């Protein structure tokens, strides 16, 4: 992600997005640049109109997910206990089935 951020920073500053400038930004941020990632990013965005991509990205509506009400502790305790009992019973049944194989 930091490589994309560095490219966006260069774009915002009006600088050319090339390998050298991208490396400089990453080093200034304290990141050791990976040459393969730098080259692949520069090659990937060489044909992309960043202004158009940013415009279309900000124009997309963002849906907020509705939040569910918080469960109460009294209703949570009972199902957990029941689940433990069911799991223990299933485990005992499975062990009983395995013992039938050996004895």
PDB file of N, CA and C in Angstrom:
ATOM      1  N   UNK A   1       0.815  -1.178   0.000  1.00  0.00           N
ATOM      2  CA  UNK A   1       0.000   0.000   0.000  1.00  0.00           C
ATOM      3  C   UNK A   1       0.866   1.253   0.000  1.00  0.00           C
ATOM      4  N   UNK A   2       2.003   1.179   0.698  1.00  0.00           N
ATOM      5  CA  UNK A   2       2.856   2.361   0.785  1.00  0.00           C
ATOM      6  C   UNK A   2       3.385   2.780  -0.578  1.00  0.00           C
ATOM      7  N   UNK A   3       3.522   1.846  -1.505  1.00  0.00           N
ATOM      8  CA  UNK A   3       3.992   2.179  -2.840  1.00  0.00           C
ATOM      9  C   UNK A   3       2.933   2.998  -3.587  1.00  0.00           C
ATOM     10  N   UNK A   4       1.687   2.607  -3.428  1.00  0.00           N
ATOM     11  CA  UNK A   4       0.583   3.336  -4.063  1.00  0.00           C
ATOM     12  C   UNK A   4       0.462   4.729  -3.445  1.00  0.00           C
ATOM     13  N   UNK A   5       0.601   4.806  -2.125  1.00  0.00           N
ATOM     14  CA  UNK A   5       0.548   6.105  -1.460  1.00  0.00           C
ATOM     15  C   UNK A   5       1.670   7.013  -1.950  1.00  0.00           C
ATOM     16  N   UNK A   6       2.852   6.452  -2.127  1.00  0.00           N
ATOM     17  CA  UNK A   6       3.980   7.239  -2.619  1.00  0.00           C
ATOM     18  C   UNK A   6       3.691   7.754  -4.026  1.00  0.00           C
ATOM     19  N   UNK A   7       3.096   6.919  -4.861  1.00  0.00           N
ATOM     20  CA  UNK A   7       2.743   7.346  -6.216  1.00  0.00           C
ATOM     21  C   UNK A   7       1.683   8.440  -6.180  1.00  0.00           C
ATOM     22  N   UNK A   8       0.703   8.313  -5.295  1.00  0.00           N
ATOM     23  CA  UNK A   8      -0.323   9.346  -5.173  1.00  0.00           C
ATOM     24  C   UNK A   8       0.263  10.662  -4.665  1.00  0.00           C
ATOM     25  N   UNK A   9       1.223  10.567  -3.765  1.00  0.00           N
ATOM     26  CA  UNK A   9       1.891  11.764  -3.261  1.00  0.00           C
ATOM     27  C   UNK A   9       2.655  12.463  -4.377  1.00  0.00           C
ATOM     28  N   UNK A  10       3.352  11.708  -5.189  1.00  0.00           N
ATOM     29  CA  UNK A  10       4.065  12.287  -6.326  1.00  0.00           C
ATOM     30  C   UNK A  10       3.084  12.941  -7.291  1.00  0.00           C
ATOM     31  N   UNK A  11       1.979  12.276  -7.529  1.00  0.00           N
ATOM     32  CA  UNK A  11       0.968  12.838  -8.435  1.00  0.00           C
ATOM     33  C   UNK A  11       0.411  14.149  -7.888  1.00  0.00           C
ATOM     34  N   UNK A  12       0.097  14.160  -6.613  1.00  0.00           N
ATOM     35  CA  UNK A  12      -0.459  15.358  -5.975  1.00  0.00           C
ATOM     36  C   UNK A  12       0.540  16.516  -6.021  1.00  0.00           C
ATOM     37  N   UNK A  13       1.835  16.195  -5.899  1.00  0.00           N
ATOM     38  CA  UNK A  13       2.882  17.218  -5.931  1.00  0.00           C
ATOM     39  C   UNK A  13       3.207  17.659  -7.350  1.00  0.00           C
ATOM     40  N   UNK A  14       2.626  16.998  -8.331  1.00  0.00           N
ATOM     41  CA  UNK A  14       2.871  17.375  -9.718  1.00  0.00           C
ATOM     42  C   UNK A  14       4.195  16.836 -10.250  1.00  0.00           C
ATOM     43  N   UNK A  15       4.755  15.865  -9.566  1.00  0.00           N
ATOM     44  CA  UNK A  15       6.016  15.256  -9.986  1.00  0.00           C
ATOM     45  C   UNK A  15       5.740  14.059 -10.874  1.00  0.00           C
ATOM     46  N   UNK A  16       6.724  13.729 -11.694  1.00  0.00           N
ATOM     47  CA  UNK A  16       6.593  12.564 -12.560  1.00  0.00           C
ATOM     48  C   UNK A  16       6.708  11.298 -11.726  1.00  0.00           C
ATOM     49  N   UNK A  17       5.833  10.342 -12.007  1.00  0.00           N
ATOM     50  CA  UNK A  17       5.882   9.072 -11.278  1.00  0.00           C
ATOM     51  C   UNK A  17       6.800   8.137 -12.050  1.00  0.00           C
ATOM     52  N   UNK A  18       8.043   8.078 -11.591  1.00  0.00           N
ATOM     53  CA  UNK A  18       9.018   7.169 -12.183  1.00  0.00           C
ATOM     54  C   UNK A  18       9.723   6.428 -11.054  1.00  0.00           C
ATOM     55  N   UNK A  19      10.561   5.489 -11.431  1.00  0.00           N
ATOM     56  CA  UNK A  19      11.206   4.636 -10.424  1.00  0.00           C
ATOM     57  C   UNK A  19      12.064   5.441  -9.452  1.00  0.00           C
ATOM     58  N   UNK A  20      12.816   6.386  -9.969  1.00  0.00           N
ATOM     59  CA  UNK A  20      13.709   7.176  -9.116  1.00  0.00           C
ATOM     60  C   UNK A  20      12.924   7.999  -8.098  1.00  0.00           C
ATOM     61  N   UNK A  21      11.893   8.705  -8.551  1.00  0.00           N
ATOM     62  CA  UNK A  21      11.102   9.530  -7.641  1.00  0.00           C
ATOM     63  C   UNK A  21      10.352   8.679  -6.617  1.00  0.00           C
ATOM     64  N   UNK A  22       9.854   7.544  -7.055  1.00  0.00           N
ATOM     65  CA  UNK A  22       9.137   6.655  -6.149  1.00  0.00           C
ATOM     66  C   UNK A  22      10.076   6.126  -5.063  1.00  0.00           C
ATOM     67  N   UNK A  23      11.294   5.744  -5.468  1.00  0.00           N
ATOM     68  CA  UNK A  23      12.293   5.300  -4.490  1.00  0.00           C
ATOM     69  C   UNK A  23      12.601   6.391  -3.481  1.00  0.00           C
ATOM     70  N   UNK A  24      12.751   7.623  -3.947  1.00  0.00           N
ATOM     71  CA  UNK A  24      13.084   8.749  -3.062  1.00  0.00           C
ATOM     72  C   UNK A  24      11.994   8.962  -2.014  1.00  0.00           C
ATOM     73  N   UNK A  25      10.755   8.887  -2.433  1.00  0.00           N
ATOM     74  CA  UNK A  25       9.641   9.092  -1.503  1.00  0.00           C
ATOM     75  C   UNK A  25       9.623   7.970  -0.468  1.00  0.00           C
ATOM     76  N   UNK A  26       9.807   6.745  -0.913  1.00  0.00           N
ATOM     77  CA  UNK A  26       9.793   5.611   0.005  1.00  0.00           C
ATOM     78  C   UNK A  26      10.938   5.690   1.012  1.00  0.00           C
ATOM     79  N   UNK A  27      12.129   6.051   0.545  1.00  0.00           N
ATOM     80  CA  UNK A  27      13.275   6.173   1.442  1.00  0.00           C
ATOM     81  C   UNK A  27      13.042   7.304   2.437  1.00  0.00           C
ATOM     82  N   UNK A  28      12.466   8.408   1.970  1.00  0.00           N
ATOM     83  CA  UNK A  28      12.180   9.533   2.864  1.00  0.00           C
ATOM     84  C   UNK A  28      11.171   9.140   3.941  1.00  0.00           C
ATOM     85  N   UNK A  29      10.312   8.179   3.631  1.00  0.00           N
ATOM     86  CA  UNK A  29       9.322   7.706   4.597  1.00  0.00           C
ATOM     87  C   UNK A  29       9.895   6.621   5.501  1.00  0.00           C
ATOM     88  N   UNK A  30      11.140   6.240   5.290  1.00  0.00           N
ATOM     89  CA  UNK A  30      11.769   5.231   6.125  1.00  0.00           C
ATOM     90  C   UNK A  30      11.493   3.810   5.677  1.00  0.00           C
ATOM     91  N   UNK A  31      11.136   3.634   4.422  1.00  0.00           N
ATOM     92  CA  UNK A  31      10.817   2.316   3.879  1.00  0.00           C
ATOM     93  C   UNK A  31      11.913   1.907   2.907  1.00  0.00           C
ATOM     94  N   UNK A  32      12.401   0.689   3.053  1.00  0.00           N
ATOM     95  CA  UNK A  32      13.382   0.178   2.107  1.00  0.00           C
ATOM     96  C   UNK A  32      12.635  -0.297   0.867  1.00  0.00           C
ATOM     97  N   UNK A  33      12.844   0.370  -0.267  1.00  0.00           N
ATOM     98  CA  UNK A  33      12.068   0.020  -1.461  1.00  0.00           C
ATOM     99  C   UNK A  33      12.471  -1.332  -2.052  1.00  0.00           C
ATOM    100  N   UNK A  34      11.480  -2.073  -2.461  1.00  0.00           N
ATOM    101  CA  UNK A  34      11.676  -3.325  -3.175  1.00  0.00           C
ATOM    102  C   UNK A  34      11.661  -2.991  -4.664  1.00  0.00           C
ATOM    103  N   UNK A  35      12.769  -3.223  -5.344  1.00  0.00           N
ATOM    104  CA  UNK A  35      12.915  -2.810  -6.741  1.00  0.00           C
ATOM    105  C   UNK A  35      11.860  -3.430  -7.650  1.00  0.00           C
ATOM    106  N   UNK A  36      11.505  -4.661  -7.394  1.00  0.00           N
ATOM    107  CA  UNK A  36      10.499  -5.339  -8.221  1.00  0.00           C
ATOM    108  C   UNK A  36       9.150  -4.641  -8.077  1.00  0.00           C
ATOM    109  N   UNK A  37       8.791  -4.304  -6.858  1.00  0.00           N
ATOM    110  CA  UNK A  37       7.510  -3.634  -6.621  1.00  0.00           C
ATOM    111  C   UNK A  37       7.503  -2.235  -7.233  1.00  0.00           C
ATOM    112  N   UNK A  38       8.634  -1.537  -7.125  1.00  0.00           N
ATOM    113  CA  UNK A  38       8.731  -0.187  -7.688  1.00  0.00           C
ATOM    114  C   UNK A  38       8.539  -0.257  -9.196  1.00  0.00           C
ATOM    115  N   UNK A  39       9.267  -1.161  -9.854  1.00  0.00           N
ATOM    116  CA  UNK A  39       9.172  -1.285 -11.312  1.00  0.00           C
ATOM    117  C   UNK A  39       7.776  -1.710 -11.751  1.00  0.00           C
ATOM    118  N   UNK A  40       7.181  -2.650 -11.047  1.00  0.00           N
ATOM    119  CA  UNK A  40       5.854  -3.123 -11.444  1.00  0.00           C
ATOM    120  C   UNK A  40       4.793  -2.041 -11.254  1.00  0.00           C
ATOM    121  N   UNK A  41       4.907  -1.258 -10.178  1.00  0.00           N
ATOM    122  CA  UNK A  41       3.931  -0.188  -9.968  1.00  0.00           C
ATOM    123  C   UNK A  41       4.061   0.885 -11.037  1.00  0.00           C
ATOM    124  N   UNK A  42       5.284   1.299 -11.336  1.00  0.00           N
ATOM    125  CA  UNK A  42       5.499   2.328 -12.361  1.00  0.00           C
ATOM    126  C   UNK A  42       4.979   1.836 -13.704  1.00  0.00           C
ATOM    127  N   UNK A  43       5.230   0.575 -14.032  1.00  0.00           N
ATOM    128  CA  UNK A  43       4.739   0.018 -15.292  1.00  0.00           C
ATOM    129  C   UNK A  43       3.216  -0.073 -15.303  1.00  0.00           C
ATOM    130  N   UNK A  44       2.631  -0.422 -14.179  1.00  0.00           N
ATOM    131  CA  UNK A  44       1.179  -0.603 -14.109  1.00  0.00           C
ATOM    132  C   UNK A  44       0.429   0.717 -14.230  1.00  0.00           C
ATOM    133  N   UNK A  45       0.971   1.779 -13.665  1.00  0.00           N
ATOM    134  CA  UNK A  45       0.228   3.040 -13.696  1.00  0.00           C
ATOM    135  C   UNK A  45       0.691   3.980 -14.793  1.00  0.00           C
ATOM    136  N   UNK A  46       1.594   3.519 -15.647  1.00  0.00           N
ATOM    137  CA  UNK A  46       2.090   4.390 -16.717  1.00  0.00           C
ATOM    138  C   UNK A  46       0.980   4.770 -17.699  1.00  0.00           C
ATOM    139  N   UNK A  47       0.012   3.906 -17.899  1.00  0.00           N
ATOM    140  CA  UNK A  47      -1.075   4.152 -18.844  1.00  0.00           C
ATOM    141  C   UNK A  47      -2.369   4.598 -18.159  1.00  0.00           C
ATOM    142  N   UNK A  48      -2.332   4.812 -16.851  1.00  0.00           N
ATOM    143  CA  UNK A  48      -3.538   5.143 -16.094  1.00  0.00           C
ATOM    144  C   UNK A  48      -3.633   6.653 -15.904  1.00  0.00           C
ATOM    145  N   UNK A  49      -4.826   7.192 -16.132  1.00  0.00           N
ATOM    146  CA  UNK A  49      -5.080   8.602 -15.853  1.00  0.00           C
ATOM    147  C   UNK A  49      -5.532   8.684 -14.392  1.00  0.00           C
ATOM    148  N   UNK A  50      -4.619   9.076 -13.537  1.00  0.00           N
ATOM    149  CA  UNK A  50      -4.867   9.058 -12.094  1.00  0.00           C
ATOM    150  C   UNK A  50      -5.984  10.017 -11.709  1.00  0.00           C
ATOM    151  N   UNK A  51      -6.060  11.172 -12.349  1.00  0.00           N
ATOM    152  CA  UNK A  51      -7.124  12.136 -12.037  1.00  0.00           C
ATOM    153  C   UNK A  51      -8.502  11.526 -12.268  1.00  0.00           C
ATOM    154  N   UNK A  52      -8.661  10.800 -13.366  1.00  0.00           N
ATOM    155  CA  UNK A  52      -9.954  10.168 -13.668  1.00  0.00           C
ATOM    156  C   UNK A  52     -10.281   9.075 -12.661  1.00  0.00           C
ATOM    157  N   UNK A  53      -9.276   8.310 -12.284  1.00  0.00           N
ATOM    158  CA  UNK A  53      -9.493   7.233 -11.322  1.00  0.00           C
ATOM    159  C   UNK A  53      -9.905   7.817  -9.976  1.00  0.00           C
ATOM    160  N   UNK A  54      -9.230   8.874  -9.545  1.00  0.00           N
ATOM    161  CA  UNK A  54      -9.577   9.507  -8.272  1.00  0.00           C
ATOM    162  C   UNK A  54     -10.970  10.114  -8.318  1.00  0.00           C
ATOM    163  N   UNK A  55     -11.324  10.712  -9.446  1.00  0.00           N
ATOM    164  CA  UNK A  55     -12.652  11.311  -9.576  1.00  0.00           C
ATOM    165  C   UNK A  55     -13.736  10.240  -9.499  1.00  0.00           C
ATOM    166  N   UNK A  56     -13.535   9.131 -10.181  1.00  0.00           N
ATOM    167  CA  UNK A  56     -14.546   8.069 -10.159  1.00  0.00           C
ATOM    168  C   UNK A  56     -14.576   7.368  -8.806  1.00  0.00           C
ATOM    169  N   UNK A  57     -13.453   7.304  -8.130  1.00  0.00           N
ATOM    170  CA  UNK A  57     -13.416   6.660  -6.811  1.00  0.00           C
ATOM    171  C   UNK A  57     -14.149   7.492  -5.777  1.00  0.00           C
ATOM    172  N   UNK A  58     -14.030   8.803  -5.837  1.00  0.00           N
ATOM    173  CA  UNK A  58     -14.711   9.649  -4.863  1.00  0.00           C
ATOM    174  C   UNK A  58     -16.179   9.833  -5.204  1.00  0.00           C
ATOM    175  N   UNK A  59     -16.565   9.564  -6.435  1.00  0.00           N
ATOM    176  CA  UNK A  59     -17.951   9.727  -6.828  1.00  0.00           C
ATOM    177  C   UNK A  59     -18.811   8.544  -6.425  1.00  0.00           C
ATOM    178  N   UNK A  60     -18.187   7.424  -6.080  1.00  0.00           N
ATOM    179  CA  UNK A  60     -18.944   6.235  -5.701  1.00  0.00           C
ATOM    180  C   UNK A  60     -19.540   6.431  -4.307  1.00  0.00           C
ATOM    181  N   UNK A  61     -20.826   6.160  -4.147  1.00  0.00           N
ATOM    182  CA  UNK A  61     -21.435   6.296  -2.822  1.00  0.00           C
ATOM    183  C   UNK A  61     -20.944   5.194  -1.883  1.00  0.00           C
ATOM    184  N   UNK A  62     -20.812   5.549  -0.653  1.00  0.00           N
ATOM    185  CA  UNK A  62     -20.372   4.594   0.359  1.00  0.00           C
ATOM    186  C   UNK A  62     -21.566   4.240   1.219  1.00  0.00           C
ATOM    187  N   UNK A  63     -21.881   2.968   1.277  1.00  0.00           N
ATOM    188  CA  UNK A  63     -22.999   2.508   2.090  1.00  0.00           C
ATOM    189  C   UNK A  63     -22.505   2.200   3.493  1.00  0.00           C
ATOM    190  N   UNK A  64     -23.229   2.697   4.463  1.00  0.00           N
ATOM    191  CA  UNK A  64     -22.887   2.420   5.855  1.00  0.00           C
ATOM    192  C   UNK A  64     -23.688   1.217   6.300  1.00  0.00           C
ATOM    193  N   UNK A  65     -22.988   0.232   6.828  1.00  0.00           N
ATOM    194  CA  UNK A  65     -23.653  -0.984   7.284  1.00  0.00           C
ATOM    195  C   UNK A  65     -24.397  -0.706   8.585  1.00  0.00           C
ATOM    196  N   UNK A  66     -25.629  -1.166   8.674  1.00  0.00           N
ATOM    197  CA  UNK A  66     -26.365  -0.954   9.929  1.00  0.00           C
ATOM    198  C   UNK A  66     -25.734  -1.769  11.054  1.00  0.00           C
ATOM    199  N   UNK A  67     -25.769  -1.204  12.216  1.00  0.00           N
ATOM    200  CA  UNK A  67     -25.191  -1.905  13.364  1.00  0.00           C
ATOM    201  C   UNK A  67     -26.279  -2.697  14.070  1.00  0.00           C
ATOM    202  N   UNK A  68     -25.910  -3.860  14.537  1.00  0.00           N
ATOM    203  CA  UNK A  68     -26.849  -4.714  15.256  1.00  0.00           C
ATOM    204  C   UNK A  68     -26.840  -4.314  16.726  1.00  0.00           C
ATOM    205  N   UNK A  69     -27.960  -4.449  17.389  1.00  0.00           N
ATOM    206  CA  UNK A  69     -27.973  -4.126  18.814  1.00  0.00           C
ATOM    207  C   UNK A  69     -27.076  -5.081  19.588  1.00  0.00           C
ATOM    208  N   UNK A  70     -26.479  -4.582  20.629  1.00  0.00           N
ATOM    209  CA  UNK A  70     -25.579  -5.399  21.443  1.00  0.00           C
ATOM    210  C   UNK A  70     -26.386  -6.419  22.226  1.00  0.00           C
ATOM    211  N   UNK A  71     -25.955  -7.687  22.205  1.00  0.00           N
ATOM    212  CA  UNK A  71     -26.698  -8.707  22.957  1.00  0.00           C
ATOM    213  C   UNK A  71     -26.497  -8.513  24.452  1.00  0.00           C
ATOM    214  N   UNK A  72     -27.497  -8.890  25.188  1.00  0.00           N
ATOM    215  CA  UNK A  72     -27.388  -8.782  26.642  1.00  0.00           C
ATOM    216  C   UNK A  72     -26.640  -9.988  27.182  1.00  0.00           C
ATOM    217  N   UNK A  73     -26.045  -9.819  28.332  1.00  0.00           N
ATOM    218  CA  UNK A  73     -25.216 -10.888  28.899  1.00  0.00           C
ATOM    219  C   UNK A  73     -26.054 -12.049  29.404  1.00  0.00           C
ATOM    220  N   UNK A  74     -27.279 -11.810  29.839  1.00  0.00           N
ATOM    221  CA  UNK A  74     -28.097 -12.900  30.372  1.00  0.00           C
ATOM    222  C   UNK A  74     -28.516 -13.862  29.269  1.00  0.00           C
ATOM    223  N   UNK A  75     -28.755 -13.359  28.074  1.00  0.00           N
ATOM    224  CA  UNK A  75     -29.155 -14.250  26.988  1.00  0.00           C
ATOM    225  C   UNK A  75     -27.957 -14.952  26.386  1.00  0.00           C
ATOM    226  N   UNK A  76     -26.770 -14.400  26.550  1.00  0.00           N
ATOM    227  CA  UNK A  76     -25.576 -15.026  26.006  1.00  0.00           C
ATOM    228  C   UNK A  76     -25.127 -16.205  26.847  1.00  0.00           C
ATOM    229  N   UNK A  77     -25.258 -16.135  28.145  1.00  0.00           N
ATOM    230  CA  UNK A  77     -24.714 -17.145  29.037  1.00  0.00           C
ATOM    231  C   UNK A  77     -25.379 -18.499  28.825  1.00  0.00           C
ATOM    232  N   UNK A  78     -26.665 -18.526  28.644  1.00  0.00           N
ATOM    233  CA  UNK A  78     -27.376 -19.785  28.512  1.00  0.00           C
ATOM    234  C   UNK A  78     -26.988 -20.542  27.238  1.00  0.00           C
ATOM    235  N   UNK A  79     -26.968 -19.896  26.056  1.00  0.00           N
ATOM    236  CA  UNK A  79     -26.582 -20.645  24.858  1.00  0.00           C
ATOM    237  C   UNK A  79     -25.146 -21.152  24.918  1.00  0.00           C
ATOM    238  N   UNK A  80     -24.250 -20.412  25.537  1.00  0.00           N
ATOM    239  CA  UNK A  80     -22.859 -20.853  25.628  1.00  0.00           C
ATOM    240  C   UNK A  80     -22.767 -22.122  26.454  1.00  0.00           C
ATOM    241  N   UNK A  81     -23.495 -22.152  27.584  1.00  0.00           N
ATOM    242  CA  UNK A  81     -23.490 -23.339  28.438  1.00  0.00           C
ATOM    243  C   UNK A  81     -24.096 -24.532  27.700  1.00  0.00           C
ATOM    244  N   UNK A  82     -25.178 -24.275  26.959  1.00  0.00           N
ATOM    245  CA  UNK A  82     -25.812 -25.350  26.217  1.00  0.00           C
ATOM    246  C   UNK A  82     -24.887 -25.870  25.124  1.00  0.00           C
ATOM    247  N   UNK A  83     -24.182 -24.972  24.476  1.00  0.00           N
ATOM    248  CA  UNK A  83     -23.254 -25.387  23.429  1.00  0.00           C
ATOM    249  C   UNK A  83     -22.148 -26.255  24.006  1.00  0.00           C
ATOM    250  N   UNK A  84     -21.637 -25.881  25.167  1.00  0.00           N
ATOM    251  CA  UNK A  84     -20.575 -26.658  25.798  1.00  0.00           C
ATOM    252  C   UNK A  84     -21.067 -28.063  26.120  1.00  0.00           C
ATOM    253  N   UNK A  85     -22.305 -28.135  26.644  1.00  0.00           N
ATOM    254  CA  UNK A  85     -22.867 -29.440  26.978  1.00  0.00           C
ATOM    255  C   UNK A  85     -23.045 -30.287  25.724  1.00  0.00           C
ATOM    256  N   UNK A  86     -23.542 -29.655  24.639  1.00  0.00           N
ATOM    257  CA  UNK A  86     -23.752 -30.372  23.391  1.00  0.00           C
ATOM    258  C   UNK A  86     -22.423 -30.845  22.815  1.00  0.00           C
ATOM    259  N   UNK A  87     -21.400 -29.976  22.858  1.00  0.00           N
ATOM    260  CA  UNK A  87     -20.094 -30.341  22.340  1.00  0.00           C
ATOM    261  C   UNK A  87     -19.505 -31.504  23.139  1.00  0.00           C
ATOM    262  N   UNK A  88     -19.669 -31.462  24.456  1.00  0.00           N
ATOM    263  CA  UNK A  88     -19.140 -32.528  25.307  1.00  0.00           C
ATOM    264  C   UNK A  88     -19.857 -33.839  24.993  1.00  0.00           C
ATOM    265  N   UNK A  89     -21.179 -33.760  24.802  1.00  0.00           N
ATOM    266  CA  UNK A  89     -21.954 -34.956  24.499  1.00  0.00           C
ATOM    267  C   UNK A  89     -21.531 -35.536  23.148  1.00  0.00           C
ATOM    268  N   UNK A  90     -21.336 -34.654  22.157  1.00  0.00           N
ATOM    269  CA  UNK A  90     -20.906 -35.112  20.838  1.00  0.00           C
ATOM    270  C   UNK A  90     -19.515 -35.733  20.907  1.00  0.00           C
ATOM    271  N   UNK A  91     -18.662 -35.140  21.725  1.00  0.00           N
ATOM    272  CA  UNK A  91     -17.304 -35.668  21.889  1.00  0.00           C
ATOM    273  C   UNK A  91     -17.340 -37.053  22.519  1.00  0.00           C
ATOM    274  N   UNK A  92     -18.200 -37.220  23.535  1.00  0.00           N
ATOM    275  CA  UNK A  92     -18.328 -38.528  24.196  1.00  0.00           C
ATOM    276  C   UNK A  92     -18.859 -39.568  23.217  1.00  0.00           C
ATOM    277  N   UNK A  93     -19.828 -39.170  22.385  1.00  0.00           N
ATOM    278  CA  UNK A  93     -20.382 -40.095  21.405  1.00  0.00           C
ATOM    279  C   UNK A  93     -19.328 -40.492  20.388  1.00  0.00           C
ATOM    280  N   UNK A  94     -18.505 -39.522  19.982  1.00  0.00           N
ATOM    281  CA  UNK A  94     -17.455 -39.819  19.009  1.00  0.00           C
ATOM    282  C   UNK A  94     -16.427 -40.772  19.614  1.00  0.00           C
ATOM    283  N   UNK A  95     -16.073 -40.554  20.880  1.00  0.00           N
ATOM    284  CA  UNK A  95     -15.118 -41.440  21.535  1.00  0.00           C
ATOM    285  C   UNK A  95     -15.700 -42.835  21.701  1.00  0.00           C
ATOM    286  N   UNK A  96     -16.983 -42.917  21.985  1.00  0.00           N
ATOM    287  CA  UNK A  96     -17.629 -44.214  22.127  1.00  0.00           C
ATOM    288  C   UNK A  96     -17.597 -44.959  20.790  1.00  0.00           C
ATOM    289  N   UNK A  97     -17.802 -44.232  19.721  1.00  0.00           N
ATOM    290  CA  UNK A  97     -17.734 -44.822  18.387  1.00  0.00           C
ATOM    291  C   UNK A  97     -16.351 -45.315  18.047  1.00  0.00           C
ATOM    292  N   UNK A  98     -15.330 -44.575  18.471  1.00  0.00           N
ATOM    293  CA  UNK A  98     -13.952 -44.984  18.224  1.00  0.00           C
ATOM    294  C   UNK A  98     -13.581 -46.214  19.044  1.00  0.00           C
ATOM    295  N   UNK A  99     -14.087 -46.296  20.278  1.00  0.00           N
ATOM    296  CA  UNK A  99     -13.761 -47.457  21.112  1.00  0.00           C
ATOM    297  C   UNK A  99     -14.351 -48.731  20.527  1.00  0.00           C
ATOM    298  N   UNK A 100     -15.431 -48.604  19.801  1.00  0.00           N
ATOM    299  CA  UNK A 100     -16.042 -49.775  19.182  1.00  0.00           C
ATOM    300  C   UNK A 100     -15.116 -50.362  18.107  1.00  0.00           C
ATOM    301  N   UNK A 101     -14.275 -49.527  17.506  1.00  0.00           N
ATOM    302  CA  UNK A 101     -13.346 -50.023  16.504  1.00  0.00           C
ATOM    303  C   UNK A 101     -12.267 -50.899  17.099  1.00  0.00           C
ATOM    304  N   UNK A 102     -11.882 -50.612  18.341  1.00  0.00           N
ATOM    305  CA  UNK A 102     -10.758 -51.298  18.950  1.00  0.00           C
ATOM    306  C   UNK A 102     -11.156 -52.323  20.006  1.00  0.00           C
ATOM    307  N   UNK A 103     -12.379 -52.452  20.336  1.00  0.00           N
ATOM    308  CA  UNK A 103     -12.683 -53.376  21.414  1.00  0.00           C
ATOM    309  C   UNK A 103     -13.984 -53.954  21.266  1.00  0.00           C
TER     310      UNK A 103
END
